[in-house]
């Protein structure tokens, strides 16, 4: 989460990043995914911030957005159709 927040602040500054209202809802490192919440106006900003992350610690990474939804409940339903959440 720190890496995403740092990426947001580099792209949009503290004020711009705070407008996204980014919150970590769920993180499962063993499965390699996380659920993030942001406001509707922050979706493009968060996606851009995620796209520029290429390294975490010493590891090369590529973060992909699997699904976007209006509610956490609907998102979990979408994800459960593709994998067990």
PDB file of N, CA and C in Angstrom:
ATOM      1  N   UNK A   1       0.827  -1.194   0.000  1.00  0.00           N
ATOM      2  CA  UNK A   1       0.000   0.000   0.000  1.00  0.00           C
ATOM      3  C   UNK A   1       0.863   1.246   0.000  1.00  0.00           C
ATOM      4  N   UNK A   2       1.989   1.197   0.709  1.00  0.00           N
ATOM      5  CA  UNK A   2       2.885   2.354   0.730  1.00  0.00           C
ATOM      6  C   UNK A   2       3.403   2.671  -0.660  1.00  0.00           C
ATOM      7  N   UNK A   3       3.685   1.640  -1.423  1.00  0.00           N
ATOM      8  CA  UNK A   3       4.207   1.844  -2.766  1.00  0.00           C
ATOM      9  C   UNK A   3       3.166   2.540  -3.653  1.00  0.00           C
ATOM     10  N   UNK A   4       1.909   2.137  -3.531  1.00  0.00           N
ATOM     11  CA  UNK A   4       0.843   2.771  -4.319  1.00  0.00           C
ATOM     12  C   UNK A   4       0.652   4.216  -3.873  1.00  0.00           C
ATOM     13  N   UNK A   5       0.649   4.449  -2.566  1.00  0.00           N
ATOM     14  CA  UNK A   5       0.490   5.815  -2.060  1.00  0.00           C
ATOM     15  C   UNK A   5       1.652   6.702  -2.521  1.00  0.00           C
ATOM     16  N   UNK A   6       2.881   6.175  -2.449  1.00  0.00           N
ATOM     17  CA  UNK A   6       4.037   6.947  -2.912  1.00  0.00           C
ATOM     18  C   UNK A   6       3.936   7.263  -4.393  1.00  0.00           C
ATOM     19  N   UNK A   7       3.459   6.307  -5.164  1.00  0.00           N
ATOM     20  CA  UNK A   7       3.273   6.514  -6.592  1.00  0.00           C
ATOM     21  C   UNK A   7       2.212   7.586  -6.852  1.00  0.00           C
ATOM     22  N   UNK A   8       1.122   7.533  -6.101  1.00  0.00           N
ATOM     23  CA  UNK A   8       0.070   8.556  -6.221  1.00  0.00           C
ATOM     24  C   UNK A   8       0.606   9.951  -5.912  1.00  0.00           C
ATOM     25  N   UNK A   9       1.378  10.063  -4.845  1.00  0.00           N
ATOM     26  CA  UNK A   9       1.890  11.383  -4.472  1.00  0.00           C
ATOM     27  C   UNK A   9       2.922  11.893  -5.468  1.00  0.00           C
ATOM     28  N   UNK A  10       3.713  10.994  -6.060  1.00  0.00           N
ATOM     29  CA  UNK A  10       4.659  11.432  -7.090  1.00  0.00           C
ATOM     30  C   UNK A  10       3.927  11.962  -8.313  1.00  0.00           C
ATOM     31  N   UNK A  11       2.828  11.317  -8.679  1.00  0.00           N
ATOM     32  CA  UNK A  11       2.080  11.745  -9.856  1.00  0.00           C
ATOM     33  C   UNK A  11       1.220  12.984  -9.618  1.00  0.00           C
ATOM     34  N   UNK A  12       0.554  13.038  -8.462  1.00  0.00           N
ATOM     35  CA  UNK A  12      -0.471  14.059  -8.247  1.00  0.00           C
ATOM     36  C   UNK A  12      -0.232  14.971  -7.052  1.00  0.00           C
ATOM     37  N   UNK A  13       0.841  14.737  -6.307  1.00  0.00           N
ATOM     38  CA  UNK A  13       1.099  15.535  -5.120  1.00  0.00           C
ATOM     39  C   UNK A  13       0.219  15.080  -3.970  1.00  0.00           C
ATOM     40  N   UNK A  14       0.497  15.602  -2.795  1.00  0.00           N
ATOM     41  CA  UNK A  14      -0.254  15.215  -1.593  1.00  0.00           C
ATOM     42  C   UNK A  14      -1.746  15.539  -1.737  1.00  0.00           C
ATOM     43  N   UNK A  15      -2.041  16.724  -2.228  1.00  0.00           N
ATOM     44  CA  UNK A  15      -3.439  17.140  -2.345  1.00  0.00           C
ATOM     45  C   UNK A  15      -4.184  16.273  -3.352  1.00  0.00           C
ATOM     46  N   UNK A  16      -3.601  16.053  -4.511  1.00  0.00           N
ATOM     47  CA  UNK A  16      -4.240  15.231  -5.532  1.00  0.00           C
ATOM     48  C   UNK A  16      -4.441  13.796  -5.074  1.00  0.00           C
ATOM     49  N   UNK A  17      -3.419  13.239  -4.427  1.00  0.00           N
ATOM     50  CA  UNK A  17      -3.515  11.860  -3.942  1.00  0.00           C
ATOM     51  C   UNK A  17      -4.591  11.726  -2.863  1.00  0.00           C
ATOM     52  N   UNK A  18      -4.728  12.734  -2.030  1.00  0.00           N
ATOM     53  CA  UNK A  18      -5.725  12.659  -0.961  1.00  0.00           C
ATOM     54  C   UNK A  18      -7.148  12.684  -1.523  1.00  0.00           C
ATOM     55  N   UNK A  19      -7.334  13.246  -2.698  1.00  0.00           N
ATOM     56  CA  UNK A  19      -8.664  13.301  -3.308  1.00  0.00           C
ATOM     57  C   UNK A  19      -9.139  11.933  -3.782  1.00  0.00           C
ATOM     58  N   UNK A  20      -8.216  10.972  -3.927  1.00  0.00           N
ATOM     59  CA  UNK A  20      -8.595   9.623  -4.357  1.00  0.00           C
ATOM     60  C   UNK A  20      -9.235   8.833  -3.226  1.00  0.00           C
ATOM     61  N   UNK A  21      -8.992   9.226  -1.971  1.00  0.00           N
ATOM     62  CA  UNK A  21      -9.517   8.506  -0.796  1.00  0.00           C
ATOM     63  C   UNK A  21      -9.185   7.015  -0.853  1.00  0.00           C
ATOM     64  N   UNK A  22      -7.956   6.690  -1.112  1.00  0.00           N
ATOM     65  CA  UNK A  22      -7.517   5.309  -1.266  1.00  0.00           C
ATOM     66  C   UNK A  22      -7.444   4.594   0.075  1.00  0.00           C
ATOM     67  N   UNK A  23      -8.055   3.387   0.139  1.00  0.00           N
ATOM     68  CA  UNK A  23      -8.080   2.576   1.354  1.00  0.00           C
ATOM     69  C   UNK A  23      -7.855   1.117   0.967  1.00  0.00           C
ATOM     70  N   UNK A  24      -7.021   0.433   1.743  1.00  0.00           N
ATOM     71  CA  UNK A  24      -6.815  -1.003   1.555  1.00  0.00           C
ATOM     72  C   UNK A  24      -7.918  -1.749   2.291  1.00  0.00           C
ATOM     73  N   UNK A  25      -8.701  -2.540   1.570  1.00  0.00           N
ATOM     74  CA  UNK A  25      -9.805  -3.298   2.155  1.00  0.00           C
ATOM     75  C   UNK A  25      -9.361  -4.704   2.522  1.00  0.00           C
ATOM     76  N   UNK A  26      -8.647  -5.368   1.630  1.00  0.00           N
ATOM     77  CA  UNK A  26      -8.234  -6.747   1.857  1.00  0.00           C
ATOM     78  C   UNK A  26      -6.918  -6.982   1.132  1.00  0.00           C
ATOM     79  N   UNK A  27      -6.031  -7.758   1.744  1.00  0.00           N
ATOM     80  CA  UNK A  27      -4.742  -8.091   1.128  1.00  0.00           C
ATOM     81  C   UNK A  27      -4.405  -9.526   1.453  1.00  0.00           C
ATOM     82  N   UNK A  28      -4.181 -10.317   0.424  1.00  0.00           N
ATOM     83  CA  UNK A  28      -3.829 -11.724   0.598  1.00  0.00           C
ATOM     84  C   UNK A  28      -2.520 -11.980  -0.148  1.00  0.00           C
ATOM     85  N   UNK A  29      -1.394 -11.812   0.541  1.00  0.00           N
ATOM     86  CA  UNK A  29      -0.101 -11.963  -0.129  1.00  0.00           C
ATOM     87  C   UNK A  29       0.140 -13.368  -0.668  1.00  0.00           C
ATOM     88  N   UNK A  30      -0.406 -14.377   0.020  1.00  0.00           N
ATOM     89  CA  UNK A  30      -0.209 -15.746  -0.459  1.00  0.00           C
ATOM     90  C   UNK A  30      -0.929 -15.997  -1.783  1.00  0.00           C
ATOM     91  N   UNK A  31      -1.998 -15.250  -2.049  1.00  0.00           N
ATOM     92  CA  UNK A  31      -2.730 -15.382  -3.302  1.00  0.00           C
ATOM     93  C   UNK A  31      -2.330 -14.303  -4.300  1.00  0.00           C
ATOM     94  N   UNK A  32      -1.604 -13.313  -3.841  1.00  0.00           N
ATOM     95  CA  UNK A  32      -1.094 -12.273  -4.727  1.00  0.00           C
ATOM     96  C   UNK A  32      -2.105 -11.246  -5.184  1.00  0.00           C
ATOM     97  N   UNK A  33      -3.075 -10.905  -4.326  1.00  0.00           N
ATOM     98  CA  UNK A  33      -3.983  -9.830  -4.707  1.00  0.00           C
ATOM     99  C   UNK A  33      -4.455  -9.025  -3.509  1.00  0.00           C
ATOM    100  N   UNK A  34      -4.964  -7.845  -3.842  1.00  0.00           N
ATOM    101  CA  UNK A  34      -5.488  -6.937  -2.828  1.00  0.00           C
ATOM    102  C   UNK A  34      -6.765  -6.306  -3.356  1.00  0.00           C
ATOM    103  N   UNK A  35      -7.607  -5.876  -2.438  1.00  0.00           N
ATOM    104  CA  UNK A  35      -8.803  -5.113  -2.791  1.00  0.00           C
ATOM    105  C   UNK A  35      -8.607  -3.714  -2.240  1.00  0.00           C
ATOM    106  N   UNK A  36      -8.676  -2.739  -3.127  1.00  0.00           N
ATOM    107  CA  UNK A  36      -8.539  -1.335  -2.752  1.00  0.00           C
ATOM    108  C   UNK A  36      -9.864  -0.629  -2.974  1.00  0.00           C
ATOM    109  N   UNK A  37     -10.108   0.383  -2.169  1.00  0.00           N
ATOM    110  CA  UNK A  37     -11.297   1.216  -2.346  1.00  0.00           C
ATOM    111  C   UNK A  37     -10.834   2.641  -2.598  1.00  0.00           C
ATOM    112  N   UNK A  38     -11.469   3.298  -3.551  1.00  0.00           N
ATOM    113  CA  UNK A  38     -11.221   4.723  -3.781  1.00  0.00           C
ATOM    114  C   UNK A  38     -12.528   5.340  -4.247  1.00  0.00           C
ATOM    115  N   UNK A  39     -12.579   6.662  -4.255  1.00  0.00           N
ATOM    116  CA  UNK A  39     -13.812   7.279  -4.728  1.00  0.00           C
ATOM    117  C   UNK A  39     -13.875   7.201  -6.259  1.00  0.00           C
ATOM    118  N   UNK A  40     -15.044   7.452  -6.786  1.00  0.00           N
ATOM    119  CA  UNK A  40     -15.278   7.318  -8.221  1.00  0.00           C
ATOM    120  C   UNK A  40     -14.360   8.216  -9.050  1.00  0.00           C
ATOM    121  N   UNK A  41     -14.085   9.403  -8.565  1.00  0.00           N
ATOM    122  CA  UNK A  41     -13.229  10.333  -9.298  1.00  0.00           C
ATOM    123  C   UNK A  41     -11.757   9.942  -9.235  1.00  0.00           C
ATOM    124  N   UNK A  42     -11.395   9.061  -8.322  1.00  0.00           N
ATOM    125  CA  UNK A  42     -10.003   8.668  -8.156  1.00  0.00           C
ATOM    126  C   UNK A  42      -9.593   7.416  -8.910  1.00  0.00           C
ATOM    127  N   UNK A  43     -10.527   6.764  -9.600  1.00  0.00           N
ATOM    128  CA  UNK A  43     -10.219   5.497 -10.269  1.00  0.00           C
ATOM    129  C   UNK A  43      -9.077   5.639 -11.265  1.00  0.00           C
ATOM    130  N   UNK A  44      -9.145   6.621 -12.135  1.00  0.00           N
ATOM    131  CA  UNK A  44      -8.091   6.782 -13.146  1.00  0.00           C
ATOM    132  C   UNK A  44      -6.756   7.149 -12.512  1.00  0.00           C
ATOM    133  N   UNK A  45      -6.787   7.927 -11.448  1.00  0.00           N
ATOM    134  CA  UNK A  45      -5.546   8.289 -10.766  1.00  0.00           C
ATOM    135  C   UNK A  45      -4.902   7.062 -10.132  1.00  0.00           C
ATOM    136  N   UNK A  46      -5.694   6.239  -9.471  1.00  0.00           N
ATOM    137  CA  UNK A  46      -5.161   5.045  -8.811  1.00  0.00           C
ATOM    138  C   UNK A  46      -4.649   4.053  -9.853  1.00  0.00           C
ATOM    139  N   UNK A  47      -5.371   3.883 -10.940  1.00  0.00           N
ATOM    140  CA  UNK A  47      -4.909   2.977 -11.995  1.00  0.00           C
ATOM    141  C   UNK A  47      -3.593   3.452 -12.592  1.00  0.00           C
ATOM    142  N   UNK A  48      -3.447   4.748 -12.787  1.00  0.00           N
ATOM    143  CA  UNK A  48      -2.189   5.292 -13.310  1.00  0.00           C
ATOM    144  C   UNK A  48      -1.057   5.069 -12.321  1.00  0.00           C
ATOM    145  N   UNK A  49      -1.327   5.282 -11.037  1.00  0.00           N
ATOM    146  CA  UNK A  49      -0.306   5.082 -10.008  1.00  0.00           C
ATOM    147  C   UNK A  49       0.120   3.627  -9.935  1.00  0.00           C
ATOM    148  N   UNK A  50      -0.822   2.711 -10.077  1.00  0.00           N
ATOM    149  CA  UNK A  50      -0.506   1.281 -10.064  1.00  0.00           C
ATOM    150  C   UNK A  50       0.325   0.904 -11.286  1.00  0.00           C
ATOM    151  N   UNK A  51      -0.002   1.474 -12.423  1.00  0.00           N
ATOM    152  CA  UNK A  51       0.670   1.114 -13.674  1.00  0.00           C
ATOM    153  C   UNK A  51       2.153   1.468 -13.684  1.00  0.00           C
ATOM    154  N   UNK A  52       2.550   2.494 -12.941  1.00  0.00           N
ATOM    155  CA  UNK A  52       3.959   2.891 -12.983  1.00  0.00           C
ATOM    156  C   UNK A  52       4.832   2.174 -11.953  1.00  0.00           C
ATOM    157  N   UNK A  53       4.225   1.320 -11.138  1.00  0.00           N
ATOM    158  CA  UNK A  53       5.001   0.549 -10.159  1.00  0.00           C
ATOM    159  C   UNK A  53       5.642  -0.640 -10.873  1.00  0.00           C
ATOM    160  N   UNK A  54       6.963  -0.698 -10.858  1.00  0.00           N
ATOM    161  CA  UNK A  54       7.668  -1.797 -11.524  1.00  0.00           C
ATOM    162  C   UNK A  54       8.567  -2.579 -10.578  1.00  0.00           C
ATOM    163  N   UNK A  55       8.756  -2.065  -9.359  1.00  0.00           N
ATOM    164  CA  UNK A  55       9.651  -2.735  -8.428  1.00  0.00           C
ATOM    165  C   UNK A  55       9.159  -2.529  -6.995  1.00  0.00           C
ATOM    166  N   UNK A  56       9.136  -3.625  -6.241  1.00  0.00           N
ATOM    167  CA  UNK A  56       8.835  -3.563  -4.813  1.00  0.00           C
ATOM    168  C   UNK A  56       9.976  -4.264  -4.104  1.00  0.00           C
ATOM    169  N   UNK A  57      10.632  -3.508  -3.237  1.00  0.00           N
ATOM    170  CA  UNK A  57      11.893  -3.928  -2.612  1.00  0.00           C
ATOM    171  C   UNK A  57      12.873  -4.241  -3.731  1.00  0.00           C
ATOM    172  N   UNK A  58      13.347  -5.456  -3.827  1.00  0.00           N
ATOM    173  CA  UNK A  58      14.305  -5.810  -4.883  1.00  0.00           C
ATOM    174  C   UNK A  58      13.649  -6.580  -6.023  1.00  0.00           C
ATOM    175  N   UNK A  59      12.363  -6.878  -5.906  1.00  0.00           N
ATOM    176  CA  UNK A  59      11.681  -7.709  -6.902  1.00  0.00           C
ATOM    177  C   UNK A  59      11.025  -6.874  -7.998  1.00  0.00           C
ATOM    178  N   UNK A  60      11.147  -7.335  -9.225  1.00  0.00           N
ATOM    179  CA  UNK A  60      10.440  -6.730 -10.346  1.00  0.00           C
ATOM    180  C   UNK A  60       8.986  -7.196 -10.288  1.00  0.00           C
ATOM    181  N   UNK A  61       8.048  -6.274 -10.445  1.00  0.00           N
ATOM    182  CA  UNK A  61       6.631  -6.617 -10.340  1.00  0.00           C
ATOM    183  C   UNK A  61       5.840  -5.994 -11.485  1.00  0.00           C
ATOM    184  N   UNK A  62       4.686  -6.569 -11.726  1.00  0.00           N
ATOM    185  CA  UNK A  62       3.690  -6.004 -12.628  1.00  0.00           C
ATOM    186  C   UNK A  62       2.343  -6.173 -11.944  1.00  0.00           C
ATOM    187  N   UNK A  63       1.695  -5.085 -11.644  1.00  0.00           N
ATOM    188  CA  UNK A  63       0.418  -5.125 -10.933  1.00  0.00           C
ATOM    189  C   UNK A  63      -0.696  -4.948 -11.962  1.00  0.00           C
ATOM    190  N   UNK A  64      -1.677  -5.827 -11.906  1.00  0.00           N
ATOM    191  CA  UNK A  64      -2.787  -5.790 -12.852  1.00  0.00           C
ATOM    192  C   UNK A  64      -4.102  -5.578 -12.118  1.00  0.00           C
ATOM    193  N   UNK A  65      -4.977  -4.780 -12.702  1.00  0.00           N
ATOM    194  CA  UNK A  65      -6.317  -4.572 -12.163  1.00  0.00           C
ATOM    195  C   UNK A  65      -7.193  -5.697 -12.712  1.00  0.00           C
ATOM    196  N   UNK A  66      -7.771  -6.496 -11.820  1.00  0.00           N
ATOM    197  CA  UNK A  66      -8.617  -7.611 -12.251  1.00  0.00           C
ATOM    198  C   UNK A  66     -10.063  -7.190 -12.479  1.00  0.00           C
ATOM    199  N   UNK A  67     -10.574  -6.297 -11.631  1.00  0.00           N
ATOM    200  CA  UNK A  67     -11.974  -5.891 -11.744  1.00  0.00           C
ATOM    201  C   UNK A  67     -12.184  -4.571 -11.025  1.00  0.00           C
ATOM    202  N   UNK A  68     -13.195  -3.856 -11.477  1.00  0.00           N
ATOM    203  CA  UNK A  68     -13.626  -2.616 -10.830  1.00  0.00           C
ATOM    204  C   UNK A  68     -15.128  -2.724 -10.648  1.00  0.00           C
ATOM    205  N   UNK A  69     -15.611  -2.265  -9.499  1.00  0.00           N
ATOM    206  CA  UNK A  69     -17.032  -2.347  -9.226  1.00  0.00           C
ATOM    207  C   UNK A  69     -17.471  -1.157  -8.390  1.00  0.00           C
ATOM    208  N   UNK A  70     -18.754  -0.920  -8.368  1.00  0.00           N
ATOM    209  CA  UNK A  70     -19.304   0.175  -7.588  1.00  0.00           C
ATOM    210  C   UNK A  70     -19.378  -0.109  -6.103  1.00  0.00           C
ATOM    211  N   UNK A  71     -19.458  -1.386  -5.741  1.00  0.00           N
ATOM    212  CA  UNK A  71     -19.519  -1.762  -4.335  1.00  0.00           C
ATOM    213  C   UNK A  71     -18.551  -2.906  -4.063  1.00  0.00           C
ATOM    214  N   UNK A  72     -18.142  -3.030  -2.819  1.00  0.00           N
ATOM    215  CA  UNK A  72     -17.239  -4.114  -2.420  1.00  0.00           C
ATOM    216  C   UNK A  72     -17.955  -5.457  -2.572  1.00  0.00           C
ATOM    217  N   UNK A  73     -19.230  -5.505  -2.233  1.00  0.00           N
ATOM    218  CA  UNK A  73     -20.005  -6.738  -2.344  1.00  0.00           C
ATOM    219  C   UNK A  73     -20.048  -7.228  -3.793  1.00  0.00           C
ATOM    220  N   UNK A  74     -20.325  -6.337  -4.719  1.00  0.00           N
ATOM    221  CA  UNK A  74     -20.372  -6.714  -6.137  1.00  0.00           C
ATOM    222  C   UNK A  74     -18.985  -7.110  -6.643  1.00  0.00           C
ATOM    223  N   UNK A  75     -17.954  -6.453  -6.142  1.00  0.00           N
ATOM    224  CA  UNK A  75     -16.592  -6.802  -6.538  1.00  0.00           C
ATOM    225  C   UNK A  75     -16.235  -8.203  -6.078  1.00  0.00           C
ATOM    226  N   UNK A  76     -16.553  -8.529  -4.854  1.00  0.00           N
ATOM    227  CA  UNK A  76     -16.267  -9.879  -4.354  1.00  0.00           C
ATOM    228  C   UNK A  76     -17.029 -10.929  -5.168  1.00  0.00           C
ATOM    229  N   UNK A  77     -18.250 -10.599  -5.569  1.00  0.00           N
ATOM    230  CA  UNK A  77     -19.029 -11.511  -6.399  1.00  0.00           C
ATOM    231  C   UNK A  77     -18.354 -11.718  -7.758  1.00  0.00           C
ATOM    232  N   UNK A  78     -17.887 -10.628  -8.369  1.00  0.00           N
ATOM    233  CA  UNK A  78     -17.172 -10.725  -9.650  1.00  0.00           C
ATOM    234  C   UNK A  78     -15.919 -11.571  -9.520  1.00  0.00           C
ATOM    235  N   UNK A  79     -15.156 -11.321  -8.463  1.00  0.00           N
ATOM    236  CA  UNK A  79     -13.906 -12.044  -8.268  1.00  0.00           C
ATOM    237  C   UNK A  79     -14.137 -13.513  -7.942  1.00  0.00           C
ATOM    238  N   UNK A  80     -15.227 -13.811  -7.230  1.00  0.00           N
ATOM    239  CA  UNK A  80     -15.496 -15.196  -6.877  1.00  0.00           C
ATOM    240  C   UNK A  80     -15.846 -16.029  -8.111  1.00  0.00           C
ATOM    241  N   UNK A  81     -16.312 -15.377  -9.169  1.00  0.00           N
ATOM    242  CA  UNK A  81     -16.593 -16.088 -10.404  1.00  0.00           C
ATOM    243  C   UNK A  81     -15.304 -16.502 -11.103  1.00  0.00           C
ATOM    244  N   UNK A  82     -14.223 -15.730 -10.897  1.00  0.00           N
ATOM    245  CA  UNK A  82     -12.962 -16.050 -11.554  1.00  0.00           C
ATOM    246  C   UNK A  82     -12.017 -16.822 -10.647  1.00  0.00           C
ATOM    247  N   UNK A  83     -12.116 -16.594  -9.343  1.00  0.00           N
ATOM    248  CA  UNK A  83     -11.253 -17.297  -8.383  1.00  0.00           C
ATOM    249  C   UNK A  83     -11.911 -17.277  -7.022  1.00  0.00           C
ATOM    250  N   UNK A  84     -11.429 -18.041  -6.110  1.00  0.00           N
ATOM    251  CA  UNK A  84     -11.997 -18.117  -4.771  1.00  0.00           C
ATOM    252  C   UNK A  84     -11.497 -16.967  -3.907  1.00  0.00           C
ATOM    253  N   UNK A  85     -12.369 -16.030  -3.533  1.00  0.00           N
ATOM    254  CA  UNK A  85     -11.980 -14.897  -2.693  1.00  0.00           C
ATOM    255  C   UNK A  85     -12.569 -15.070  -1.322  1.00  0.00           C
TER     256      UNK A  85
END
